Amino acid sequence: MENIVPIRESGIHGFLHRPDSASGDALALTHGAGANCHAPLLVALAREFCQSGMTVLRFNLPFRQLRPHGPPLRGSDKRDREGIAEVIEFMRKQTSGRVFAGGHSYGGRQTSMLLAERPELADGLLLLSYPLHPPMKPAQLRTAHFPDLQTPSLFVHGARDGFGSQEEMVAALNLIPARTHLMEVEGAGHELLTKKNQEELPKRIFATFQAMFRKGS
């Protein structure tokens, strides 16, 4: 069971999923450039992780709080990272255990950039459909911060994702000095969740996450 509580405080907008029996760990999860915290993938993962005992906050980035539709405006990325930091600090107050962070596409990228700058903020990253490069532009890699990323990171990537092939992702993850794992989702594109995998995928992601971040590992 879970209790879902709307959060509207200090610029933090989202929904906090509290389990009946908490494990002590928490996860802050955000959306991509064209979505919000109601994205089906975020909702499904929040419920799956919460059912397994984790406290989860799915939240809107600052740019989405300012405009309900459309992509981030140019120059909003710095404020979005500041917002992610505020959320992680908020989650530290919600639990006595570890705090993980991440998100889908743009949200995951901004979270990883923040952790490359401030590795003390979170204990691990869950990066869903990391946008390695713009579609059809493989030379424009978004990996400048990877050599500075010291946080263990689980990457979940669709086999048909136009933002980066599996081979490109493997090469990019070699730039990260921290422990990483790449989970491939067969038949999925950038959105990851499909009608065929909507029941199985959240469970598989949690199982892979649990294995990677097992306490003491």
N, C-alpha and C. Protein backbone atom coordinates (compact mmCIF):
# COMPACT_ATOMS: atom_id res chain seq x y z
N MET A 1 0.84 -1.20 0.00
CA MET A 1 0.00 0.00 0.00
C MET A 1 0.88 1.25 0.00
N GLU A 2 0.29 2.37 -0.44
CA GLU A 2 1.01 3.62 -0.47
C GLU A 2 0.06 4.77 -0.19
N ASN A 3 0.62 5.85 0.32
CA ASN A 3 -0.10 7.09 0.50
C ASN A 3 0.52 8.13 -0.41
N ILE A 4 -0.29 8.78 -1.24
CA ILE A 4 0.22 9.77 -2.18
C ILE A 4 -0.17 11.16 -1.69
N VAL A 5 0.83 11.99 -1.45
CA VAL A 5 0.60 13.32 -0.87
C VAL A 5 1.09 14.39 -1.83
N PRO A 6 0.22 15.32 -2.25
CA PRO A 6 0.67 16.44 -3.08
C PRO A 6 1.64 17.31 -2.29
N ILE A 7 2.71 17.75 -2.94
CA ILE A 7 3.70 18.61 -2.31
C ILE A 7 3.73 19.95 -3.04
N ARG A 8 3.51 21.02 -2.30
CA ARG A 8 3.59 22.38 -2.84
C ARG A 8 4.23 23.26 -1.79
N GLU A 9 5.54 23.24 -1.74
CA GLU A 9 6.22 24.06 -0.74
C GLU A 9 7.62 24.42 -1.22
N SER A 10 8.01 25.66 -0.92
CA SER A 10 9.36 26.15 -1.23
C SER A 10 9.77 25.90 -2.68
N GLY A 11 8.82 26.03 -3.59
CA GLY A 11 9.14 25.84 -5.00
C GLY A 11 9.18 24.40 -5.44
N ILE A 12 8.85 23.46 -4.55
CA ILE A 12 8.83 22.04 -4.89
C ILE A 12 7.40 21.64 -5.21
N HIS A 13 7.16 21.19 -6.43
CA HIS A 13 5.84 20.78 -6.88
C HIS A 13 5.89 19.32 -7.32
N GLY A 14 5.10 18.48 -6.67
CA GLY A 14 5.09 17.08 -7.06
C GLY A 14 4.19 16.25 -6.19
N PHE A 15 4.43 14.94 -6.21
CA PHE A 15 3.61 14.00 -5.45
C PHE A 15 4.53 13.03 -4.71
N LEU A 16 4.35 12.97 -3.40
CA LEU A 16 5.17 12.13 -2.55
C LEU A 16 4.44 10.81 -2.29
N HIS A 17 5.08 9.71 -2.68
CA HIS A 17 4.53 8.36 -2.45
C HIS A 17 5.18 7.81 -1.19
N ARG A 18 4.38 7.62 -0.16
CA ARG A 18 4.88 7.08 1.11
C ARG A 18 4.40 5.64 1.30
N PRO A 19 5.32 4.72 1.53
CA PRO A 19 4.91 3.32 1.73
C PRO A 19 4.40 3.11 3.15
N ASP A 20 3.55 2.11 3.33
CA ASP A 20 3.08 1.76 4.67
C ASP A 20 4.22 1.25 5.53
N SER A 21 5.12 0.51 4.91
CA SER A 21 6.28 -0.02 5.62
C SER A 21 7.54 0.43 4.90
N ALA A 22 8.18 1.46 5.42
CA ALA A 22 9.31 2.10 4.73
C ALA A 22 10.62 1.36 4.95
N SER A 23 11.41 1.26 3.88
CA SER A 23 12.73 0.62 3.96
C SER A 23 13.79 1.58 4.46
N GLY A 24 13.49 2.88 4.40
CA GLY A 24 14.45 3.90 4.81
C GLY A 24 15.09 4.62 3.65
N ASP A 25 14.99 4.06 2.42
CA ASP A 25 15.57 4.69 1.25
C ASP A 25 14.54 5.54 0.52
N ALA A 26 15.02 6.51 -0.26
CA ALA A 26 14.12 7.43 -0.97
C ALA A 26 14.63 7.69 -2.38
N LEU A 27 13.71 8.07 -3.25
CA LEU A 27 14.03 8.35 -4.65
C LEU A 27 13.31 9.61 -5.10
N ALA A 28 14.06 10.54 -5.70
CA ALA A 28 13.49 11.74 -6.31
C ALA A 28 13.59 11.56 -7.81
N LEU A 29 12.44 11.64 -8.49
CA LEU A 29 12.38 11.30 -9.90
C LEU A 29 11.66 12.40 -10.68
N THR A 30 12.26 12.84 -11.78
CA THR A 30 11.64 13.91 -12.56
C THR A 30 11.51 13.55 -14.04
N HIS A 31 10.92 14.45 -14.78
CA HIS A 31 10.43 14.18 -16.14
C HIS A 31 11.36 14.71 -17.24
N GLY A 32 10.97 14.45 -18.48
CA GLY A 32 11.71 14.93 -19.64
C GLY A 32 11.25 16.30 -20.09
N ALA A 33 11.82 16.77 -21.19
CA ALA A 33 11.59 18.13 -21.66
C ALA A 33 10.16 18.39 -22.09
N GLY A 34 9.46 17.36 -22.56
CA GLY A 34 8.11 17.57 -23.06
C GLY A 34 7.02 17.08 -22.14
N ALA A 35 7.37 16.68 -20.93
CA ALA A 35 6.41 16.05 -20.03
C ALA A 35 6.32 16.78 -18.70
N ASN A 36 5.69 16.12 -17.72
CA ASN A 36 5.63 16.64 -16.37
C ASN A 36 5.61 15.45 -15.41
N CYS A 37 5.36 15.70 -14.14
CA CYS A 37 5.46 14.63 -13.16
C CYS A 37 4.33 13.62 -13.24
N HIS A 38 3.35 13.87 -14.13
CA HIS A 38 2.27 12.90 -14.34
C HIS A 38 2.60 11.92 -15.47
N ALA A 39 3.80 11.98 -16.03
CA ALA A 39 4.19 11.08 -17.10
C ALA A 39 3.97 9.63 -16.67
N PRO A 40 3.34 8.81 -17.53
CA PRO A 40 3.03 7.42 -17.15
C PRO A 40 4.22 6.63 -16.64
N LEU A 41 5.40 6.85 -17.21
CA LEU A 41 6.59 6.12 -16.75
C LEU A 41 6.92 6.48 -15.32
N LEU A 42 6.86 7.77 -14.98
CA LEU A 42 7.17 8.20 -13.61
C LEU A 42 6.15 7.66 -12.62
N VAL A 43 4.88 7.72 -12.99
CA VAL A 43 3.83 7.22 -12.11
C VAL A 43 4.02 5.72 -11.86
N ALA A 44 4.28 4.97 -12.92
CA ALA A 44 4.45 3.52 -12.79
C ALA A 44 5.65 3.17 -11.92
N LEU A 45 6.75 3.89 -12.11
CA LEU A 45 7.95 3.61 -11.32
C LEU A 45 7.78 4.04 -9.87
N ALA A 46 7.13 5.18 -9.65
CA ALA A 46 6.89 5.63 -8.28
C ALA A 46 6.09 4.60 -7.51
N ARG A 47 5.07 4.04 -8.15
CA ARG A 47 4.24 3.04 -7.49
C ARG A 47 5.00 1.75 -7.23
N GLU A 48 5.79 1.32 -8.21
CA GLU A 48 6.54 0.07 -8.06
C GLU A 48 7.59 0.20 -6.95
N PHE A 49 8.34 1.29 -6.95
CA PHE A 49 9.38 1.48 -5.94
C PHE A 49 8.75 1.65 -4.55
N CYS A 50 7.62 2.36 -4.50
CA CYS A 50 6.95 2.58 -3.22
C CYS A 50 6.40 1.29 -2.65
N GLN A 51 5.84 0.45 -3.50
CA GLN A 51 5.31 -0.83 -3.03
C GLN A 51 6.40 -1.71 -2.43
N SER A 52 7.64 -1.43 -2.82
CA SER A 52 8.77 -2.20 -2.29
C SER A 52 9.43 -1.50 -1.10
N GLY A 53 8.80 -0.43 -0.61
CA GLY A 53 9.27 0.19 0.63
C GLY A 53 9.98 1.52 0.51
N MET A 54 10.21 1.99 -0.71
CA MET A 54 10.92 3.25 -0.87
C MET A 54 9.95 4.44 -0.87
N THR A 55 10.39 5.54 -0.29
CA THR A 55 9.65 6.80 -0.36
C THR A 55 10.04 7.48 -1.66
N VAL A 56 9.07 7.84 -2.49
CA VAL A 56 9.37 8.37 -3.82
C VAL A 56 8.67 9.71 -4.03
N LEU A 57 9.41 10.67 -4.56
CA LEU A 57 8.82 11.95 -4.98
C LEU A 57 9.00 12.09 -6.47
N ARG A 58 7.88 12.16 -7.20
CA ARG A 58 7.94 12.51 -8.62
C ARG A 58 7.58 13.99 -8.71
N PHE A 59 8.46 14.78 -9.34
CA PHE A 59 8.31 16.24 -9.22
C PHE A 59 8.49 16.96 -10.54
N ASN A 60 7.93 18.15 -10.60
CA ASN A 60 8.07 19.02 -11.76
C ASN A 60 9.33 19.87 -11.63
N LEU A 61 10.07 19.96 -12.71
CA LEU A 61 11.23 20.84 -12.75
C LEU A 61 10.78 22.30 -12.74
N PRO A 62 11.64 23.23 -12.34
CA PRO A 62 11.27 24.64 -12.32
C PRO A 62 10.73 25.17 -13.64
N PHE A 63 11.30 24.72 -14.78
CA PHE A 63 10.79 25.24 -16.06
C PHE A 63 9.33 24.84 -16.28
N ARG A 64 8.96 23.64 -15.81
CA ARG A 64 7.59 23.19 -15.98
C ARG A 64 6.64 23.91 -15.03
N GLN A 65 7.13 24.33 -13.90
CA GLN A 65 6.32 25.11 -12.99
C GLN A 65 5.98 26.48 -13.58
N LEU A 66 6.87 26.99 -14.43
CA LEU A 66 6.66 28.30 -15.05
C LEU A 66 5.80 28.23 -16.30
N ARG A 67 5.88 27.15 -17.03
CA ARG A 67 5.07 27.00 -18.24
C ARG A 67 4.54 25.57 -18.31
N PRO A 68 3.21 25.41 -18.38
CA PRO A 68 2.61 24.08 -18.32
C PRO A 68 2.87 23.21 -19.54
N HIS A 69 3.24 23.84 -20.66
CA HIS A 69 3.46 23.08 -21.88
C HIS A 69 4.74 23.58 -22.57
N GLY A 70 5.28 22.75 -23.44
CA GLY A 70 6.45 23.15 -24.22
C GLY A 70 7.76 22.78 -23.56
N PRO A 71 8.84 22.83 -24.34
CA PRO A 71 10.16 22.46 -23.84
C PRO A 71 10.76 23.55 -22.95
N PRO A 72 11.87 23.26 -22.28
CA PRO A 72 12.53 24.29 -21.46
C PRO A 72 13.00 25.45 -22.33
N LEU A 73 12.89 26.65 -21.79
CA LEU A 73 13.41 27.81 -22.49
C LEU A 73 14.93 27.82 -22.39
N ARG A 74 15.56 28.43 -23.36
CA ARG A 74 17.02 28.51 -23.36
C ARG A 74 17.50 29.19 -22.06
N GLY A 75 18.46 28.57 -21.43
CA GLY A 75 19.02 29.15 -20.20
C GLY A 75 18.34 28.70 -18.93
N SER A 76 17.32 27.84 -19.04
CA SER A 76 16.61 27.40 -17.83
C SER A 76 17.30 26.22 -17.13
N ASP A 77 18.31 25.64 -17.78
CA ASP A 77 18.91 24.42 -17.23
C ASP A 77 19.58 24.65 -15.87
N LYS A 78 20.22 25.81 -15.67
CA LYS A 78 20.88 26.07 -14.38
C LYS A 78 19.85 26.12 -13.26
N ARG A 79 18.73 26.80 -13.50
CA ARG A 79 17.68 26.86 -12.48
C ARG A 79 17.06 25.49 -12.27
N ASP A 80 16.95 24.70 -13.31
CA ASP A 80 16.41 23.36 -13.15
C ASP A 80 17.32 22.52 -12.26
N ARG A 81 18.62 22.65 -12.42
CA ARG A 81 19.55 21.90 -11.55
C ARG A 81 19.45 22.38 -10.10
N GLU A 82 19.27 23.67 -9.92
CA GLU A 82 19.09 24.19 -8.55
C GLU A 82 17.83 23.62 -7.94
N GLY A 83 16.78 23.50 -8.76
CA GLY A 83 15.54 22.92 -8.27
C GLY A 83 15.69 21.46 -7.88
N ILE A 84 16.46 20.72 -8.67
CA ILE A 84 16.72 19.31 -8.35
C ILE A 84 17.46 19.20 -7.02
N ALA A 85 18.43 20.08 -6.80
CA ALA A 85 19.17 20.08 -5.54
C ALA A 85 18.24 20.34 -4.36
N GLU A 86 17.30 21.26 -4.52
CA GLU A 86 16.33 21.55 -3.46
C GLU A 86 15.48 20.33 -3.15
N VAL A 87 15.08 19.62 -4.19
CA VAL A 87 14.26 18.42 -4.00
C VAL A 87 15.04 17.34 -3.26
N ILE A 88 16.29 17.11 -3.65
CA ILE A 88 17.10 16.09 -2.99
C ILE A 88 17.28 16.43 -1.51
N GLU A 89 17.52 17.70 -1.22
CA GLU A 89 17.66 18.12 0.17
C GLU A 89 16.36 17.93 0.94
N PHE A 90 15.24 18.16 0.27
CA PHE A 90 13.93 17.91 0.87
C PHE A 90 13.76 16.43 1.19
N MET A 91 14.19 15.58 0.27
CA MET A 91 14.05 14.14 0.47
C MET A 91 14.95 13.63 1.59
N ARG A 92 16.06 14.29 1.83
CA ARG A 92 16.93 13.91 2.95
C ARG A 92 16.18 14.03 4.27
N LYS A 93 15.24 14.96 4.32
CA LYS A 93 14.46 15.18 5.55
C LYS A 93 13.32 14.18 5.69
N GLN A 94 13.03 13.44 4.62
CA GLN A 94 11.91 12.50 4.63
C GLN A 94 12.32 11.09 5.04
N THR A 95 13.62 10.85 5.13
CA THR A 95 14.07 9.49 5.39
C THR A 95 15.39 9.49 6.14
N SER A 96 15.67 8.40 6.80
CA SER A 96 16.94 8.25 7.51
C SER A 96 17.95 7.45 6.69
N GLY A 97 17.51 6.96 5.54
CA GLY A 97 18.36 6.11 4.72
C GLY A 97 18.99 6.83 3.56
N ARG A 98 19.26 6.06 2.51
CA ARG A 98 19.91 6.60 1.33
C ARG A 98 18.90 7.37 0.47
N VAL A 99 19.43 8.34 -0.27
CA VAL A 99 18.60 9.10 -1.19
C VAL A 99 19.16 8.95 -2.61
N PHE A 100 18.30 8.51 -3.52
CA PHE A 100 18.65 8.36 -4.92
C PHE A 100 17.90 9.42 -5.73
N ALA A 101 18.43 9.71 -6.90
CA ALA A 101 17.80 10.74 -7.74
C ALA A 101 17.92 10.33 -9.20
N GLY A 102 17.10 10.95 -10.03
CA GLY A 102 17.18 10.66 -11.45
C GLY A 102 15.97 11.18 -12.19
N GLY A 103 15.83 10.71 -13.41
CA GLY A 103 14.71 11.18 -14.20
C GLY A 103 14.79 10.68 -15.63
N HIS A 104 13.80 11.08 -16.39
CA HIS A 104 13.69 10.68 -17.78
C HIS A 104 14.30 11.74 -18.69
N SER A 105 15.15 11.32 -19.61
CA SER A 105 15.70 12.19 -20.66
C SER A 105 16.32 13.47 -20.10
N TYR A 106 15.75 14.63 -20.46
CA TYR A 106 16.29 15.91 -19.99
C TYR A 106 16.41 15.96 -18.47
N GLY A 107 15.41 15.46 -17.77
CA GLY A 107 15.46 15.48 -16.31
C GLY A 107 16.59 14.66 -15.76
N GLY A 108 16.84 13.49 -16.36
CA GLY A 108 17.95 12.67 -15.93
C GLY A 108 19.29 13.30 -16.25
N ARG A 109 19.36 13.92 -17.42
CA ARG A 109 20.61 14.58 -17.81
C ARG A 109 20.96 15.70 -16.83
N GLN A 110 19.98 16.54 -16.51
CA GLN A 110 20.24 17.64 -15.57
C GLN A 110 20.62 17.11 -14.19
N THR A 111 19.99 16.01 -13.78
CA THR A 111 20.34 15.42 -12.49
C THR A 111 21.76 14.90 -12.49
N SER A 112 22.17 14.26 -13.57
CA SER A 112 23.55 13.75 -13.64
C SER A 112 24.56 14.88 -13.68
N MET A 113 24.22 15.99 -14.35
CA MET A 113 25.11 17.15 -14.38
C MET A 113 25.26 17.75 -12.99
N LEU A 114 24.15 17.80 -12.25
CA LEU A 114 24.19 18.31 -10.88
C LEU A 114 25.08 17.44 -10.00
N LEU A 115 24.92 16.12 -10.13
CA LEU A 115 25.73 15.21 -9.29
C LEU A 115 27.20 15.22 -9.68
N ALA A 116 27.50 15.53 -10.93
CA ALA A 116 28.91 15.67 -11.33
C ALA A 116 29.53 16.87 -10.62
N GLU A 117 28.72 17.90 -10.36
CA GLU A 117 29.18 19.09 -9.66
C GLU A 117 29.14 18.91 -8.15
N ARG A 118 28.12 18.17 -7.66
CA ARG A 118 27.92 18.03 -6.21
C ARG A 118 27.66 16.56 -5.87
N PRO A 119 28.70 15.74 -5.88
CA PRO A 119 28.53 14.30 -5.69
C PRO A 119 27.99 13.91 -4.32
N GLU A 120 28.08 14.81 -3.36
CA GLU A 120 27.62 14.48 -2.01
C GLU A 120 26.10 14.47 -1.88
N LEU A 121 25.40 14.99 -2.88
CA LEU A 121 23.95 15.14 -2.76
C LEU A 121 23.20 13.82 -2.71
N ALA A 122 23.55 12.86 -3.56
CA ALA A 122 22.77 11.62 -3.67
C ALA A 122 23.68 10.40 -3.65
N ASP A 123 23.08 9.27 -3.33
CA ASP A 123 23.82 8.02 -3.21
C ASP A 123 23.86 7.21 -4.50
N GLY A 124 23.01 7.55 -5.44
CA GLY A 124 22.97 6.83 -6.70
C GLY A 124 22.02 7.50 -7.67
N LEU A 125 22.15 7.15 -8.95
CA LEU A 125 21.34 7.76 -10.01
C LEU A 125 20.56 6.70 -10.78
N LEU A 126 19.32 7.05 -11.13
CA LEU A 126 18.50 6.24 -12.03
C LEU A 126 18.20 7.11 -13.24
N LEU A 127 18.86 6.81 -14.37
CA LEU A 127 18.78 7.65 -15.57
C LEU A 127 18.04 6.90 -16.66
N LEU A 128 16.86 7.41 -16.99
CA LEU A 128 15.95 6.77 -17.93
C LEU A 128 16.05 7.45 -19.29
N SER A 129 16.41 6.71 -20.32
CA SER A 129 16.53 7.27 -21.68
C SER A 129 17.45 8.48 -21.70
N TYR A 130 18.66 8.31 -21.21
CA TYR A 130 19.60 9.44 -21.24
C TYR A 130 19.74 9.94 -22.68
N PRO A 131 19.53 11.25 -22.92
CA PRO A 131 19.59 11.79 -24.29
C PRO A 131 21.04 12.03 -24.73
N LEU A 132 21.69 10.97 -25.16
CA LEU A 132 23.13 11.03 -25.44
C LEU A 132 23.48 12.07 -26.49
N HIS A 133 22.63 12.21 -27.50
CA HIS A 133 22.82 13.23 -28.53
C HIS A 133 21.45 13.51 -29.16
N PRO A 134 21.27 14.65 -29.83
CA PRO A 134 20.00 14.88 -30.54
C PRO A 134 19.83 13.82 -31.63
N PRO A 135 18.59 13.44 -31.93
CA PRO A 135 18.37 12.46 -32.98
C PRO A 135 19.02 12.86 -34.30
N MET A 136 19.71 11.91 -34.93
CA MET A 136 20.38 12.12 -36.21
C MET A 136 21.60 13.03 -36.13
N LYS A 137 22.05 13.34 -34.91
CA LYS A 137 23.23 14.20 -34.74
C LYS A 137 24.21 13.56 -33.77
N PRO A 138 24.79 12.43 -34.12
CA PRO A 138 25.63 11.68 -33.19
C PRO A 138 26.91 12.39 -32.78
N ALA A 139 27.30 13.41 -33.51
CA ALA A 139 28.52 14.13 -33.15
C ALA A 139 28.31 15.09 -31.98
N GLN A 140 27.05 15.43 -31.71
CA GLN A 140 26.74 16.39 -30.65
C GLN A 140 26.50 15.66 -29.32
N LEU A 141 27.55 15.04 -28.81
CA LEU A 141 27.43 14.24 -27.60
C LEU A 141 27.26 15.10 -26.35
N ARG A 142 26.43 14.61 -25.45
CA ARG A 142 26.18 15.31 -24.19
C ARG A 142 26.87 14.56 -23.06
N THR A 143 28.17 14.48 -23.16
CA THR A 143 28.95 13.68 -22.22
C THR A 143 30.08 14.47 -21.55
N ALA A 144 30.10 15.78 -21.69
CA ALA A 144 31.21 16.57 -21.17
C ALA A 144 31.41 16.37 -19.67
N HIS A 145 30.31 16.12 -18.95
CA HIS A 145 30.42 15.97 -17.49
C HIS A 145 30.66 14.53 -17.05
N PHE A 146 30.61 13.59 -17.96
CA PHE A 146 30.74 12.18 -17.58
C PHE A 146 32.05 11.87 -16.83
N PRO A 147 33.21 12.40 -17.24
CA PRO A 147 34.44 12.09 -16.51
C PRO A 147 34.45 12.60 -15.06
N ASP A 148 33.53 13.50 -14.74
CA ASP A 148 33.44 14.04 -13.38
C ASP A 148 32.34 13.39 -12.55
N LEU A 149 31.63 12.44 -13.13
CA LEU A 149 30.50 11.82 -12.44
C LEU A 149 31.00 10.69 -11.55
N GLN A 150 30.95 10.91 -10.24
CA GLN A 150 31.47 9.94 -9.27
C GLN A 150 30.36 9.10 -8.63
N THR A 151 29.13 9.29 -9.06
CA THR A 151 27.97 8.64 -8.44
C THR A 151 27.59 7.37 -9.19
N PRO A 152 27.43 6.24 -8.52
CA PRO A 152 26.98 5.02 -9.20
C PRO A 152 25.67 5.27 -9.94
N SER A 153 25.57 4.79 -11.17
CA SER A 153 24.45 5.16 -12.03
C SER A 153 23.90 3.97 -12.80
N LEU A 154 22.56 3.82 -12.74
CA LEU A 154 21.86 2.82 -13.55
C LEU A 154 21.22 3.54 -14.72
N PHE A 155 21.61 3.17 -15.93
CA PHE A 155 21.04 3.73 -17.16
C PHE A 155 20.05 2.72 -17.74
N VAL A 156 18.84 3.17 -18.02
CA VAL A 156 17.82 2.33 -18.66
C VAL A 156 17.57 2.91 -20.04
N HIS A 157 17.79 2.11 -21.09
CA HIS A 157 17.79 2.66 -22.44
C HIS A 157 17.05 1.76 -23.41
N GLY A 158 16.18 2.34 -24.22
CA GLY A 158 15.45 1.60 -25.22
C GLY A 158 16.32 1.21 -26.40
N ALA A 159 16.16 0.00 -26.89
CA ALA A 159 16.97 -0.49 -28.02
C ALA A 159 16.72 0.30 -29.29
N ARG A 160 15.56 0.99 -29.37
CA ARG A 160 15.21 1.75 -30.57
C ARG A 160 15.23 3.26 -30.30
N ASP A 161 15.96 3.68 -29.30
CA ASP A 161 16.01 5.09 -28.92
C ASP A 161 16.85 5.89 -29.92
N GLY A 162 16.24 6.90 -30.54
CA GLY A 162 16.94 7.71 -31.52
C GLY A 162 17.93 8.68 -30.92
N PHE A 163 17.93 8.82 -29.59
CA PHE A 163 18.86 9.72 -28.92
C PHE A 163 20.19 9.04 -28.60
N GLY A 164 20.35 7.80 -29.04
CA GLY A 164 21.61 7.09 -28.82
C GLY A 164 21.41 5.60 -28.93
N SER A 165 22.30 4.94 -29.66
CA SER A 165 22.22 3.49 -29.81
C SER A 165 22.85 2.82 -28.58
N GLN A 166 22.62 1.52 -28.46
CA GLN A 166 23.22 0.78 -27.36
C GLN A 166 24.75 0.84 -27.45
N GLU A 167 25.29 0.73 -28.66
CA GLU A 167 26.74 0.79 -28.83
C GLU A 167 27.29 2.15 -28.40
N GLU A 168 26.58 3.22 -28.76
CA GLU A 168 27.00 4.57 -28.36
C GLU A 168 26.92 4.73 -26.84
N MET A 169 25.90 4.16 -26.24
CA MET A 169 25.76 4.26 -24.78
C MET A 169 26.88 3.52 -24.07
N VAL A 170 27.22 2.34 -24.56
CA VAL A 170 28.31 1.58 -23.94
C VAL A 170 29.61 2.37 -23.99
N ALA A 171 29.90 2.97 -25.13
CA ALA A 171 31.12 3.77 -25.27
C ALA A 171 31.09 4.98 -24.35
N ALA A 172 29.93 5.62 -24.23
CA ALA A 172 29.82 6.81 -23.38
C ALA A 172 30.00 6.46 -21.91
N LEU A 173 29.43 5.34 -21.49
CA LEU A 173 29.53 4.97 -20.07
C LEU A 173 30.96 4.64 -19.66
N ASN A 174 31.79 4.31 -20.62
CA ASN A 174 33.21 4.09 -20.31
C ASN A 174 33.92 5.35 -19.86
N LEU A 175 33.30 6.50 -20.10
CA LEU A 175 33.88 7.78 -19.68
C LEU A 175 33.63 8.05 -18.20
N ILE A 176 32.69 7.33 -17.60
CA ILE A 176 32.29 7.59 -16.22
C ILE A 176 33.16 6.77 -15.26
N PRO A 177 33.84 7.42 -14.32
CA PRO A 177 34.71 6.68 -13.40
C PRO A 177 33.94 5.89 -12.34
N ALA A 178 32.68 6.23 -12.10
CA ALA A 178 31.88 5.53 -11.10
C ALA A 178 31.34 4.21 -11.66
N ARG A 179 30.79 3.39 -10.80
CA ARG A 179 30.15 2.14 -11.21
C ARG A 179 28.89 2.44 -12.00
N THR A 180 28.72 1.80 -13.15
CA THR A 180 27.53 2.00 -13.98
C THR A 180 26.98 0.66 -14.43
N HIS A 181 25.71 0.69 -14.84
CA HIS A 181 25.09 -0.49 -15.44
C HIS A 181 24.11 0.00 -16.50
N LEU A 182 24.11 -0.64 -17.65
CA LEU A 182 23.22 -0.29 -18.73
C LEU A 182 22.18 -1.39 -18.90
N MET A 183 20.92 -1.04 -18.67
CA MET A 183 19.81 -1.98 -18.84
C MET A 183 19.12 -1.67 -20.16
N GLU A 184 19.13 -2.62 -21.07
CA GLU A 184 18.52 -2.43 -22.38
C GLU A 184 17.07 -2.90 -22.35
N VAL A 185 16.20 -2.11 -22.99
CA VAL A 185 14.79 -2.46 -23.09
C VAL A 185 14.49 -2.77 -24.55
N GLU A 186 14.33 -4.04 -24.86
CA GLU A 186 14.09 -4.47 -26.24
C GLU A 186 12.77 -3.90 -26.77
N GLY A 187 12.81 -3.43 -28.01
CA GLY A 187 11.60 -2.97 -28.67
C GLY A 187 11.11 -1.60 -28.24
N ALA A 188 11.79 -0.96 -27.32
CA ALA A 188 11.34 0.33 -26.80
C ALA A 188 12.11 1.48 -27.42
N GLY A 189 11.44 2.60 -27.57
CA GLY A 189 12.07 3.83 -28.02
C GLY A 189 12.38 4.73 -26.84
N HIS A 190 12.37 6.03 -27.08
CA HIS A 190 12.77 6.98 -26.06
C HIS A 190 11.81 7.01 -24.87
N GLU A 191 10.54 6.71 -25.09
CA GLU A 191 9.57 6.77 -24.00
C GLU A 191 9.66 5.56 -23.06
N LEU A 192 10.30 4.50 -23.50
CA LEU A 192 10.52 3.26 -22.74
C LEU A 192 9.25 2.46 -22.49
N LEU A 193 8.22 3.08 -21.93
CA LEU A 193 7.00 2.37 -21.58
C LEU A 193 6.13 2.17 -22.81
N THR A 194 5.70 0.93 -23.04
CA THR A 194 4.82 0.61 -24.17
C THR A 194 3.63 -0.20 -23.65
N LYS A 195 2.66 -0.40 -24.51
CA LYS A 195 1.50 -1.21 -24.12
C LYS A 195 1.93 -2.64 -23.79
N LYS A 196 2.95 -3.12 -24.49
CA LYS A 196 3.40 -4.50 -24.29
C LYS A 196 4.18 -4.68 -22.99
N ASN A 197 4.92 -3.64 -22.58
CA ASN A 197 5.78 -3.82 -21.40
C ASN A 197 5.35 -3.06 -20.16
N GLN A 198 4.17 -2.40 -20.20
CA GLN A 198 3.78 -1.52 -19.11
C GLN A 198 3.60 -2.23 -17.77
N GLU A 199 3.32 -3.52 -17.79
CA GLU A 199 3.21 -4.27 -16.54
C GLU A 199 4.57 -4.79 -16.07
N GLU A 200 5.36 -5.25 -17.04
CA GLU A 200 6.63 -5.90 -16.70
C GLU A 200 7.79 -4.92 -16.48
N LEU A 201 7.83 -3.83 -17.25
CA LEU A 201 9.00 -2.95 -17.22
C LEU A 201 9.26 -2.32 -15.86
N PRO A 202 8.27 -1.73 -15.19
CA PRO A 202 8.56 -1.14 -13.86
C PRO A 202 9.15 -2.16 -12.89
N LYS A 203 8.64 -3.39 -12.93
CA LYS A 203 9.16 -4.44 -12.05
C LYS A 203 10.60 -4.77 -12.42
N ARG A 204 10.88 -4.83 -13.71
CA ARG A 204 12.24 -5.16 -14.14
C ARG A 204 13.22 -4.06 -13.77
N ILE A 205 12.80 -2.80 -13.94
CA ILE A 205 13.67 -1.69 -13.57
C ILE A 205 13.97 -1.72 -12.07
N PHE A 206 12.92 -1.95 -11.26
CA PHE A 206 13.16 -1.99 -9.81
C PHE A 206 14.09 -3.14 -9.44
N ALA A 207 13.89 -4.30 -10.04
CA ALA A 207 14.73 -5.45 -9.72
C ALA A 207 16.19 -5.18 -10.07
N THR A 208 16.41 -4.54 -11.21
CA THR A 208 17.78 -4.21 -11.62
C THR A 208 18.37 -3.16 -10.70
N PHE A 209 17.57 -2.17 -10.35
CA PHE A 209 17.99 -1.13 -9.41
C PHE A 209 18.35 -1.74 -8.06
N GLN A 210 17.49 -2.61 -7.58
CA GLN A 210 17.71 -3.25 -6.27
C GLN A 210 19.00 -4.06 -6.27
N ALA A 211 19.25 -4.78 -7.37
CA ALA A 211 20.46 -5.59 -7.46
C ALA A 211 21.72 -4.72 -7.47
N MET A 212 21.63 -3.60 -8.21
CA MET A 212 22.80 -2.73 -8.31
C MET A 212 23.10 -2.01 -7.02
N PHE A 213 22.05 -1.59 -6.31
CA PHE A 213 22.24 -0.77 -5.13
C PHE A 213 21.94 -1.53 -3.83
N ARG A 214 22.09 -2.83 -3.88
CA ARG A 214 21.92 -3.62 -2.67
C ARG A 214 22.88 -3.13 -1.59
N LYS A 215 22.36 -2.95 -0.41
CA LYS A 215 23.19 -2.43 0.69
C LYS A 215 24.38 -3.35 0.93
N GLY A 216 25.53 -2.71 1.03
CA GLY A 216 26.76 -3.46 1.24
C GLY A 216 27.48 -3.84 -0.03
N SER A 217 26.82 -3.54 -1.21
CA SER A 217 27.45 -3.91 -2.48
C SER A 217 28.39 -2.81 -2.95
